[in-house]
């Protein structure tokens, strides 16, 4: 049974990362059909099955109207809660959550300049906003992990990493773009070769429509539905076993950071090791 669950509670996002967002998130996307009670049930079922940590991601997870309630339910179940946010806008109640014991905050950063970062996100002003909130998170003593996805030529990835280190960010991972979602560029169905090889091994994802997949990047491999079944029913089904067997053995070591919102993901920054707290999460947008 997986010990780490990625919960993609929305596909709505203020950013439009046209070159690499695996969830194809954006301002016009919705929160899906899972209700807040559905999400709470999934978390409780996961806890009963031995899940130790959940990662709440999107889209931009904080845009979901019940984001804080869902995260607090994870904490109430005794789980570690990882929040993946673009840190474009942070409300007071979100800062209060991020400082809670058991919560880890993760974000994406693309360049040390307004031009470079904003070119990736498609949103003018996103660099200044994210950088300001990174600095504020550090000031508040919040556990922060940052993933940098190398998306564009001349993106200044090395400079961005050096800038973060100078600010005091101790967990920074760099990853490549995966050919999934916006990065597929019309190439058809993604290949399992784009996955790190750990998907479905200690990790699973639940998408905003209730679909269960081996990880958020493995969204093209549906293995069940939690709106009409239990998590245990999905994980013990022949379909889950078939999906898990279809994923090639792990190819990336050490893990990078763009995997699946990543503090527990795949090919880097993802679920590198569901048992470890040293990895990063996937970048949706």
C-alpha atoms as a PDB file:
ATOM      1  CA  UNK A   1       0.000   0.000   0.000  1.00  0.00           C
ATOM      2  CA  UNK A   2       1.253   3.515  -0.740  1.00  0.00           C
ATOM      3  CA  UNK A   3       2.562   5.497   2.205  1.00  0.00           C
ATOM      4  CA  UNK A   4       2.389   8.826   0.382  1.00  0.00           C
ATOM      5  CA  UNK A   5      -0.620  10.361  -1.353  1.00  0.00           C
ATOM      6  CA  UNK A   6      -0.608  13.296  -3.753  1.00  0.00           C
ATOM      7  CA  UNK A   7      -3.967  15.070  -3.668  1.00  0.00           C
ATOM      8  CA  UNK A   8      -4.533  17.263  -6.723  1.00  0.00           C
ATOM      9  CA  UNK A   9      -7.475  19.190  -5.309  1.00  0.00           C
ATOM     10  CA  UNK A  10      -7.806  21.708  -8.166  1.00  0.00           C
ATOM     11  CA  UNK A  11      -6.559  22.529 -11.645  1.00  0.00           C
ATOM     12  CA  UNK A  12      -7.165  26.245 -11.219  1.00  0.00           C
ATOM     13  CA  UNK A  13      -4.031  28.399 -11.135  1.00  0.00           C
ATOM     14  CA  UNK A  14      -3.185  32.086 -11.532  1.00  0.00           C
ATOM     15  CA  UNK A  15      -0.255  31.143 -13.767  1.00  0.00           C
ATOM     16  CA  UNK A  16      -0.179  29.742 -17.302  1.00  0.00           C
ATOM     17  CA  UNK A  17       3.006  27.688 -17.572  1.00  0.00           C
ATOM     18  CA  UNK A  18       2.535  26.815 -21.229  1.00  0.00           C
ATOM     19  CA  UNK A  19       5.866  25.039 -21.615  1.00  0.00           C
ATOM     20  CA  UNK A  20       5.726  22.445 -18.845  1.00  0.00           C
ATOM     21  CA  UNK A  21       2.625  22.307 -16.618  1.00  0.00           C
ATOM     22  CA  UNK A  22       1.769  18.597 -16.462  1.00  0.00           C
ATOM     23  CA  UNK A  23      -1.732  19.324 -15.110  1.00  0.00           C
ATOM     24  CA  UNK A  24      -2.474  21.860 -17.860  1.00  0.00           C
ATOM     25  CA  UNK A  25      -3.664  24.142 -15.083  1.00  0.00           C
ATOM     26  CA  UNK A  26      -4.734  27.747 -15.514  1.00  0.00           C
ATOM     27  CA  UNK A  27      -7.155  30.521 -14.520  1.00  0.00           C
ATOM     28  CA  UNK A  28     -10.032  29.007 -16.495  1.00  0.00           C
ATOM     29  CA  UNK A  29      -9.770  25.525 -14.955  1.00  0.00           C
ATOM     30  CA  UNK A  30     -12.008  24.334 -12.139  1.00  0.00           C
ATOM     31  CA  UNK A  31     -11.756  22.548  -8.814  1.00  0.00           C
ATOM     32  CA  UNK A  32     -13.078  19.230 -10.112  1.00  0.00           C
ATOM     33  CA  UNK A  33     -15.971  17.170  -8.812  1.00  0.00           C
ATOM     34  CA  UNK A  34     -14.508  15.903  -5.543  1.00  0.00           C
ATOM     35  CA  UNK A  35     -16.296  17.492  -2.570  1.00  0.00           C
ATOM     36  CA  UNK A  36     -14.564  18.507   0.640  1.00  0.00           C
ATOM     37  CA  UNK A  37     -16.123  15.439   2.290  1.00  0.00           C
ATOM     38  CA  UNK A  38     -14.731  13.250  -0.487  1.00  0.00           C
ATOM     39  CA  UNK A  39     -11.250  14.605   0.169  1.00  0.00           C
ATOM     40  CA  UNK A  40     -11.584  14.109   3.918  1.00  0.00           C
ATOM     41  CA  UNK A  41     -12.746  10.535   3.391  1.00  0.00           C
ATOM     42  CA  UNK A  42      -9.797   9.787   1.110  1.00  0.00           C
ATOM     43  CA  UNK A  43      -7.398  11.187   3.704  1.00  0.00           C
ATOM     44  CA  UNK A  44      -8.965   9.145   6.485  1.00  0.00           C
ATOM     45  CA  UNK A  45      -8.964   5.985   4.378  1.00  0.00           C
ATOM     46  CA  UNK A  46      -5.350   6.585   3.466  1.00  0.00           C
ATOM     47  CA  UNK A  47      -4.398   7.028   7.111  1.00  0.00           C
ATOM     48  CA  UNK A  48      -6.129   3.745   8.006  1.00  0.00           C
ATOM     49  CA  UNK A  49      -4.165   2.003   5.230  1.00  0.00           C
ATOM     50  CA  UNK A  50      -0.800   3.251   6.472  1.00  0.00           C
ATOM     51  CA  UNK A  51      -0.337   6.490   4.544  1.00  0.00           C
ATOM     52  CA  UNK A  52       2.105   8.693   6.470  1.00  0.00           C
ATOM     53  CA  UNK A  53       2.089  11.857   4.383  1.00  0.00           C
ATOM     54  CA  UNK A  54      -0.124  13.686   1.937  1.00  0.00           C
ATOM     55  CA  UNK A  55       0.845  16.360  -0.509  1.00  0.00           C
ATOM     56  CA  UNK A  56      -1.809  18.904  -1.407  1.00  0.00           C
ATOM     57  CA  UNK A  57      -1.240  20.293  -4.868  1.00  0.00           C
ATOM     58  CA  UNK A  58      -2.967  21.709  -7.924  1.00  0.00           C
ATOM     59  CA  UNK A  59      -3.087  23.771 -10.040  1.00  0.00           C
ATOM     60  CA  UNK A  60      -2.687  26.172  -7.185  1.00  0.00           C
ATOM     61  CA  UNK A  61      -3.936  24.310  -4.121  1.00  0.00           C
ATOM     62  CA  UNK A  62      -4.591  27.456  -2.077  1.00  0.00           C
ATOM     63  CA  UNK A  63      -7.261  28.571  -4.575  1.00  0.00           C
ATOM     64  CA  UNK A  64      -9.537  25.715  -3.526  1.00  0.00           C
ATOM     65  CA  UNK A  65     -12.247  27.128  -1.224  1.00  0.00           C
ATOM     66  CA  UNK A  66     -11.688  24.304   1.298  1.00  0.00           C
ATOM     67  CA  UNK A  67      -7.906  24.134   1.054  1.00  0.00           C
ATOM     68  CA  UNK A  68      -7.227  24.904   4.725  1.00  0.00           C
ATOM     69  CA  UNK A  69      -9.965  22.535   5.892  1.00  0.00           C
ATOM     70  CA  UNK A  70      -8.558  19.686   3.804  1.00  0.00           C
ATOM     71  CA  UNK A  71      -5.021  20.305   5.049  1.00  0.00           C
ATOM     72  CA  UNK A  72      -6.137  20.510   8.671  1.00  0.00           C
ATOM     73  CA  UNK A  73      -7.952  17.194   8.298  1.00  0.00           C
ATOM     74  CA  UNK A  74      -4.674  15.609   7.269  1.00  0.00           C
ATOM     75  CA  UNK A  75      -3.005  17.013  10.363  1.00  0.00           C
ATOM     76  CA  UNK A  76      -5.903  15.786  12.525  1.00  0.00           C
ATOM     77  CA  UNK A  77      -5.331  12.287  11.137  1.00  0.00           C
ATOM     78  CA  UNK A  78      -1.731  12.491  12.323  1.00  0.00           C
ATOM     79  CA  UNK A  79      -0.269  12.779   8.828  1.00  0.00           C
ATOM     80  CA  UNK A  80       2.541  14.951   7.566  1.00  0.00           C
ATOM     81  CA  UNK A  81       1.079  17.554   5.217  1.00  0.00           C
ATOM     82  CA  UNK A  82       3.068  18.959   2.322  1.00  0.00           C
ATOM     83  CA  UNK A  83       1.603  21.963   0.528  1.00  0.00           C
ATOM     84  CA  UNK A  84       2.721  22.784  -2.987  1.00  0.00           C
ATOM     85  CA  UNK A  85       2.023  26.428  -3.840  1.00  0.00           C
ATOM     86  CA  UNK A  86       3.297  28.853  -6.465  1.00  0.00           C
ATOM     87  CA  UNK A  87       3.413  31.478  -3.669  1.00  0.00           C
ATOM     88  CA  UNK A  88       1.949  34.060  -6.008  1.00  0.00           C
ATOM     89  CA  UNK A  89      -0.613  35.130  -3.419  1.00  0.00           C
ATOM     90  CA  UNK A  90      -0.639  34.051   0.230  1.00  0.00           C
ATOM     91  CA  UNK A  91      -3.544  34.876   2.534  1.00  0.00           C
ATOM     92  CA  UNK A  92      -3.175  35.303   6.323  1.00  0.00           C
ATOM     93  CA  UNK A  93      -4.900  31.990   7.050  1.00  0.00           C
ATOM     94  CA  UNK A  94      -2.470  30.247   4.726  1.00  0.00           C
ATOM     95  CA  UNK A  95       0.545  31.636   6.573  1.00  0.00           C
ATOM     96  CA  UNK A  96      -1.038  30.378   9.793  1.00  0.00           C
ATOM     97  CA  UNK A  97      -1.353  26.891   8.288  1.00  0.00           C
ATOM     98  CA  UNK A  98       2.177  26.879   6.875  1.00  0.00           C
ATOM     99  CA  UNK A  99       3.613  27.517  10.326  1.00  0.00           C
ATOM    100  CA  UNK A 100       1.788  24.539  11.851  1.00  0.00           C
ATOM    101  CA  UNK A 101       3.815  21.624  13.137  1.00  0.00           C
ATOM    102  CA  UNK A 102       3.757  18.801  10.582  1.00  0.00           C
ATOM    103  CA  UNK A 103       3.395  21.096   7.545  1.00  0.00           C
ATOM    104  CA  UNK A 104       6.051  21.513   4.849  1.00  0.00           C
ATOM    105  CA  UNK A 105       5.763  24.197   2.173  1.00  0.00           C
ATOM    106  CA  UNK A 106       7.015  23.742  -1.387  1.00  0.00           C
ATOM    107  CA  UNK A 107       7.179  26.031  -4.373  1.00  0.00           C
ATOM    108  CA  UNK A 108       8.674  26.469  -7.843  1.00  0.00           C
ATOM    109  CA  UNK A 109      11.171  29.124  -8.875  1.00  0.00           C
ATOM    110  CA  UNK A 110      12.498  29.554 -12.389  1.00  0.00           C
ATOM    111  CA  UNK A 111      14.973  32.433 -12.650  1.00  0.00           C
ATOM    112  CA  UNK A 112      16.584  35.212 -10.654  1.00  0.00           C
ATOM    113  CA  UNK A 113      15.095  37.907 -12.899  1.00  0.00           C
ATOM    114  CA  UNK A 114      11.568  39.169 -13.475  1.00  0.00           C
ATOM    115  CA  UNK A 115      11.876  38.522 -17.196  1.00  0.00           C
ATOM    116  CA  UNK A 116      13.131  34.956 -16.867  1.00  0.00           C
ATOM    117  CA  UNK A 117      10.662  33.764 -14.221  1.00  0.00           C
ATOM    118  CA  UNK A 118       7.647  35.559 -15.695  1.00  0.00           C
ATOM    119  CA  UNK A 119       8.381  34.163 -19.156  1.00  0.00           C
ATOM    120  CA  UNK A 120       7.972  30.641 -17.779  1.00  0.00           C
ATOM    121  CA  UNK A 121       4.853  31.354 -15.727  1.00  0.00           C
ATOM    122  CA  UNK A 122       3.145  33.520 -18.306  1.00  0.00           C
ATOM    123  CA  UNK A 123       2.227  36.027 -15.590  1.00  0.00           C
ATOM    124  CA  UNK A 124       3.859  39.437 -15.297  1.00  0.00           C
ATOM    125  CA  UNK A 125       4.774  40.177 -11.696  1.00  0.00           C
ATOM    126  CA  UNK A 126       4.894  36.518 -10.664  1.00  0.00           C
ATOM    127  CA  UNK A 127       8.638  36.626  -9.989  1.00  0.00           C
ATOM    128  CA  UNK A 128       8.414  39.556  -7.602  1.00  0.00           C
ATOM    129  CA  UNK A 129       5.415  38.033  -5.816  1.00  0.00           C
ATOM    130  CA  UNK A 130       6.915  34.557  -5.434  1.00  0.00           C
ATOM    131  CA  UNK A 131      10.322  35.863  -4.380  1.00  0.00           C
ATOM    132  CA  UNK A 132       8.733  38.143  -1.799  1.00  0.00           C
ATOM    133  CA  UNK A 133       6.751  35.259  -0.325  1.00  0.00           C
ATOM    134  CA  UNK A 134       9.799  32.986  -0.295  1.00  0.00           C
ATOM    135  CA  UNK A 135      11.564  35.634   1.776  1.00  0.00           C
ATOM    136  CA  UNK A 136       8.526  35.957   4.048  1.00  0.00           C
ATOM    137  CA  UNK A 137       8.316  32.183   4.530  1.00  0.00           C
ATOM    138  CA  UNK A 138      11.963  32.091   5.569  1.00  0.00           C
ATOM    139  CA  UNK A 139      11.397  35.027   7.920  1.00  0.00           C
ATOM    140  CA  UNK A 140       8.585  33.093   9.580  1.00  0.00           C
ATOM    141  CA  UNK A 141      10.775  30.013  10.003  1.00  0.00           C
ATOM    142  CA  UNK A 142       8.614  27.875   7.703  1.00  0.00           C
ATOM    143  CA  UNK A 143      10.038  24.640   6.341  1.00  0.00           C
ATOM    144  CA  UNK A 144      10.482  25.417   2.650  1.00  0.00           C
ATOM    145  CA  UNK A 145      11.596  23.343  -0.313  1.00  0.00           C
ATOM    146  CA  UNK A 146      12.031  24.790  -3.794  1.00  0.00           C
ATOM    147  CA  UNK A 147      12.067  23.064  -7.178  1.00  0.00           C
ATOM    148  CA  UNK A 148      13.550  24.602 -10.314  1.00  0.00           C
ATOM    149  CA  UNK A 149      12.466  23.122 -13.649  1.00  0.00           C
ATOM    150  CA  UNK A 150      14.897  23.856 -16.468  1.00  0.00           C
ATOM    151  CA  UNK A 151      12.395  24.916 -19.106  1.00  0.00           C
ATOM    152  CA  UNK A 152      13.867  27.500 -21.476  1.00  0.00           C
ATOM    153  CA  UNK A 153      17.236  28.221 -23.067  1.00  0.00           C
ATOM    154  CA  UNK A 154      19.104  30.883 -21.106  1.00  0.00           C
ATOM    155  CA  UNK A 155      16.749  30.569 -18.136  1.00  0.00           C
ATOM    156  CA  UNK A 156      19.478  31.338 -15.540  1.00  0.00           C
ATOM    157  CA  UNK A 157      18.789  28.210 -13.515  1.00  0.00           C
ATOM    158  CA  UNK A 158      22.204  28.247 -11.833  1.00  0.00           C
ATOM    159  CA  UNK A 159      21.786  31.872 -10.842  1.00  0.00           C
ATOM    160  CA  UNK A 160      18.341  31.133  -9.433  1.00  0.00           C
ATOM    161  CA  UNK A 161      19.726  28.315  -7.331  1.00  0.00           C
ATOM    162  CA  UNK A 162      22.556  30.541  -6.051  1.00  0.00           C
ATOM    163  CA  UNK A 163      20.068  33.274  -5.191  1.00  0.00           C
ATOM    164  CA  UNK A 164      17.914  30.864  -3.204  1.00  0.00           C
ATOM    165  CA  UNK A 165      20.934  29.521  -1.356  1.00  0.00           C
ATOM    166  CA  UNK A 166      22.002  33.059  -0.477  1.00  0.00           C
ATOM    167  CA  UNK A 167      18.533  33.723   0.923  1.00  0.00           C
ATOM    168  CA  UNK A 168      18.814  30.667   3.160  1.00  0.00           C
ATOM    169  CA  UNK A 169      16.826  28.034   1.266  1.00  0.00           C
ATOM    170  CA  UNK A 170      18.552  24.751   2.078  1.00  0.00           C
ATOM    171  CA  UNK A 171      16.470  22.386  -0.062  1.00  0.00           C
ATOM    172  CA  UNK A 172      16.683  23.243  -3.769  1.00  0.00           C
ATOM    173  CA  UNK A 173      16.328  20.698  -6.578  1.00  0.00           C
ATOM    174  CA  UNK A 174      16.682  21.132 -10.318  1.00  0.00           C
ATOM    175  CA  UNK A 175      14.832  18.946 -12.794  1.00  0.00           C
ATOM    176  CA  UNK A 176      14.130  18.650 -16.488  1.00  0.00           C
ATOM    177  CA  UNK A 177      10.815  19.017 -18.263  1.00  0.00           C
ATOM    178  CA  UNK A 178       8.732  15.865 -18.622  1.00  0.00           C
ATOM    179  CA  UNK A 179       6.758  15.235 -21.812  1.00  0.00           C
ATOM    180  CA  UNK A 180       3.406  15.287 -20.035  1.00  0.00           C
ATOM    181  CA  UNK A 181       0.570  17.813 -20.160  1.00  0.00           C
ATOM    182  CA  UNK A 182       1.629  21.125 -21.703  1.00  0.00           C
ATOM    183  CA  UNK A 183       5.093  19.751 -22.379  1.00  0.00           C
ATOM    184  CA  UNK A 184       3.743  16.942 -24.570  1.00  0.00           C
ATOM    185  CA  UNK A 185       3.355  19.446 -27.427  1.00  0.00           C
ATOM    186  CA  UNK A 186       0.702  17.390 -29.170  1.00  0.00           C
ATOM    187  CA  UNK A 187       2.882  14.306 -29.231  1.00  0.00           C
ATOM    188  CA  UNK A 188      -0.029  12.092 -28.217  1.00  0.00           C
ATOM    189  CA  UNK A 189      -0.274   9.857 -25.161  1.00  0.00           C
ATOM    190  CA  UNK A 190       2.724  10.318 -22.841  1.00  0.00           C
ATOM    191  CA  UNK A 191       5.132   7.439 -22.380  1.00  0.00           C
ATOM    192  CA  UNK A 192       5.926   5.681 -19.107  1.00  0.00           C
ATOM    193  CA  UNK A 193       9.556   6.472 -19.948  1.00  0.00           C
ATOM    194  CA  UNK A 194       8.812  10.001 -18.730  1.00  0.00           C
ATOM    195  CA  UNK A 195       8.230   8.661 -15.212  1.00  0.00           C
ATOM    196  CA  UNK A 196      10.914   8.145 -12.587  1.00  0.00           C
ATOM    197  CA  UNK A 197      10.088   4.492 -11.991  1.00  0.00           C
ATOM    198  CA  UNK A 198       8.863   4.922  -8.417  1.00  0.00           C
ATOM    199  CA  UNK A 199       5.279   5.784  -9.279  1.00  0.00           C
ATOM    200  CA  UNK A 200       2.871   3.264  -7.707  1.00  0.00           C
ATOM    201  CA  UNK A 201       5.695   2.134  -5.416  1.00  0.00           C
ATOM    202  CA  UNK A 202       4.912   3.755  -2.122  1.00  0.00           C
ATOM    203  CA  UNK A 203       3.069   6.586  -3.849  1.00  0.00           C
ATOM    204  CA  UNK A 204      -0.275   7.258  -5.464  1.00  0.00           C
ATOM    205  CA  UNK A 205      -2.231  10.299  -6.565  1.00  0.00           C
ATOM    206  CA  UNK A 206      -5.892  11.257  -6.473  1.00  0.00           C
ATOM    207  CA  UNK A 207      -6.922  13.816  -9.089  1.00  0.00           C
ATOM    208  CA  UNK A 208      -9.670  16.411  -8.785  1.00  0.00           C
ATOM    209  CA  UNK A 209     -12.209  14.152 -10.529  1.00  0.00           C
ATOM    210  CA  UNK A 210     -11.504  11.263  -8.133  1.00  0.00           C
ATOM    211  CA  UNK A 211      -9.276   9.320 -10.522  1.00  0.00           C
ATOM    212  CA  UNK A 212      -6.489   7.384  -8.815  1.00  0.00           C
ATOM    213  CA  UNK A 213      -3.165   7.278 -10.665  1.00  0.00           C
ATOM    214  CA  UNK A 214       0.350   6.068  -9.770  1.00  0.00           C
ATOM    215  CA  UNK A 215       1.464   9.714  -9.276  1.00  0.00           C
ATOM    216  CA  UNK A 216       0.438  13.125 -10.564  1.00  0.00           C
ATOM    217  CA  UNK A 217       2.784  12.803 -13.533  1.00  0.00           C
ATOM    218  CA  UNK A 218       1.352   9.365 -14.242  1.00  0.00           C
ATOM    219  CA  UNK A 219      -2.086  10.892 -14.748  1.00  0.00           C
ATOM    220  CA  UNK A 220      -2.351   9.152 -18.135  1.00  0.00           C
ATOM    221  CA  UNK A 221      -2.499   5.785 -16.300  1.00  0.00           C
ATOM    222  CA  UNK A 222      -5.879   5.751 -14.509  1.00  0.00           C
ATOM    223  CA  UNK A 223      -6.119   2.895 -12.035  1.00  0.00           C
ATOM    224  CA  UNK A 224      -9.478   3.454 -10.378  1.00  0.00           C
ATOM    225  CA  UNK A 225     -11.974   5.917  -8.948  1.00  0.00           C
ATOM    226  CA  UNK A 226     -12.540   6.916  -5.309  1.00  0.00           C
ATOM    227  CA  UNK A 227     -15.890   8.574  -5.846  1.00  0.00           C
ATOM    228  CA  UNK A 228     -17.523   5.159  -6.159  1.00  0.00           C
ATOM    229  CA  UNK A 229     -14.954   2.967  -4.413  1.00  0.00           C
ATOM    230  CA  UNK A 230     -12.563   2.968  -1.474  1.00  0.00           C
ATOM    231  CA  UNK A 231      -8.837   3.538  -1.673  1.00  0.00           C
ATOM    232  CA  UNK A 232      -8.284   0.009  -0.452  1.00  0.00           C
ATOM    233  CA  UNK A 233     -10.528  -1.268  -3.217  1.00  0.00           C
ATOM    234  CA  UNK A 234      -8.441   0.555  -5.805  1.00  0.00           C
ATOM    235  CA  UNK A 235      -5.080  -0.532  -4.382  1.00  0.00           C
ATOM    236  CA  UNK A 236      -6.091  -4.190  -4.218  1.00  0.00           C
ATOM    237  CA  UNK A 237      -7.627  -4.238  -7.696  1.00  0.00           C
ATOM    238  CA  UNK A 238      -6.133  -6.040 -10.720  1.00  0.00           C
ATOM    239  CA  UNK A 239      -6.095  -2.714 -12.553  1.00  0.00           C
ATOM    240  CA  UNK A 240      -3.761  -1.146  -9.961  1.00  0.00           C
ATOM    241  CA  UNK A 241      -1.431  -4.126 -10.265  1.00  0.00           C
ATOM    242  CA  UNK A 242      -1.462  -3.823 -14.061  1.00  0.00           C
ATOM    243  CA  UNK A 243      -0.666  -0.103 -13.937  1.00  0.00           C
ATOM    244  CA  UNK A 244       2.149  -0.626 -11.436  1.00  0.00           C
ATOM    245  CA  UNK A 245       3.648  -3.397 -13.577  1.00  0.00           C
ATOM    246  CA  UNK A 246       3.563  -1.176 -16.688  1.00  0.00           C
ATOM    247  CA  UNK A 247       5.990   1.392 -15.207  1.00  0.00           C
ATOM    248  CA  UNK A 248       9.673   0.681 -15.921  1.00  0.00           C
ATOM    249  CA  UNK A 249      12.006   0.317 -12.962  1.00  0.00           C
ATOM    250  CA  UNK A 250      13.442   3.504 -11.551  1.00  0.00           C
ATOM    251  CA  UNK A 251      15.927   5.202 -13.886  1.00  0.00           C
ATOM    252  CA  UNK A 252      16.798   8.374 -12.048  1.00  0.00           C
ATOM    253  CA  UNK A 253      19.135   8.519  -9.090  1.00  0.00           C
ATOM    254  CA  UNK A 254      19.433  10.676  -7.227  1.00  0.00           C
ATOM    255  CA  UNK A 255      15.972  12.091  -7.689  1.00  0.00           C
ATOM    256  CA  UNK A 256      15.600  15.508  -9.190  1.00  0.00           C
ATOM    257  CA  UNK A 257      12.874  17.922  -8.233  1.00  0.00           C
ATOM    258  CA  UNK A 258      10.025  18.300 -10.657  1.00  0.00           C
ATOM    259  CA  UNK A 259       8.490  14.951 -10.168  1.00  0.00           C
ATOM    260  CA  UNK A 260       5.293  15.102  -8.554  1.00  0.00           C
ATOM    261  CA  UNK A 261       5.015  18.019  -6.427  1.00  0.00           C
ATOM    262  CA  UNK A 262       7.835  16.287  -5.034  1.00  0.00           C
ATOM    263  CA  UNK A 263       8.595  16.027  -1.497  1.00  0.00           C
ATOM    264  CA  UNK A 264       7.749  12.546  -2.217  1.00  0.00           C
ATOM    265  CA  UNK A 265       7.465  11.732  -5.724  1.00  0.00           C
ATOM    266  CA  UNK A 266       9.460  10.709  -8.639  1.00  0.00           C
ATOM    267  CA  UNK A 267      12.138  11.754 -10.881  1.00  0.00           C
ATOM    268  CA  UNK A 268      13.232  14.465  -8.655  1.00  0.00           C
ATOM    269  CA  UNK A 269      11.663  16.517  -6.047  1.00  0.00           C
ATOM    270  CA  UNK A 270       8.835  14.187  -6.174  1.00  0.00           C
ATOM    271  CA  UNK A 271       8.247  11.160  -4.231  1.00  0.00           C
ATOM    272  CA  UNK A 272      11.778  10.237  -4.392  1.00  0.00           C
ATOM    273  CA  UNK A 273      11.402   8.362  -1.214  1.00  0.00           C
ATOM    274  CA  UNK A 274       8.003   8.417   0.404  1.00  0.00           C
ATOM    275  CA  UNK A 275       9.786   7.693   3.617  1.00  0.00           C
ATOM    276  CA  UNK A 276      12.155  10.583   3.330  1.00  0.00           C
ATOM    277  CA  UNK A 277      11.507  14.205   4.124  1.00  0.00           C
ATOM    278  CA  UNK A 278      14.359  15.456   2.033  1.00  0.00           C
ATOM    279  CA  UNK A 279      12.826  15.478  -1.406  1.00  0.00           C
ATOM    280  CA  UNK A 280      10.685  17.986  -3.260  1.00  0.00           C
ATOM    281  CA  UNK A 281       7.347  18.032  -5.028  1.00  0.00           C
ATOM    282  CA  UNK A 282       6.050  18.273  -8.511  1.00  0.00           C
ATOM    283  CA  UNK A 283       5.576  21.501 -10.391  1.00  0.00           C
ATOM    284  CA  UNK A 284       2.159  21.878 -11.802  1.00  0.00           C
ATOM    285  CA  UNK A 285       2.417  25.411 -12.957  1.00  0.00           C
END
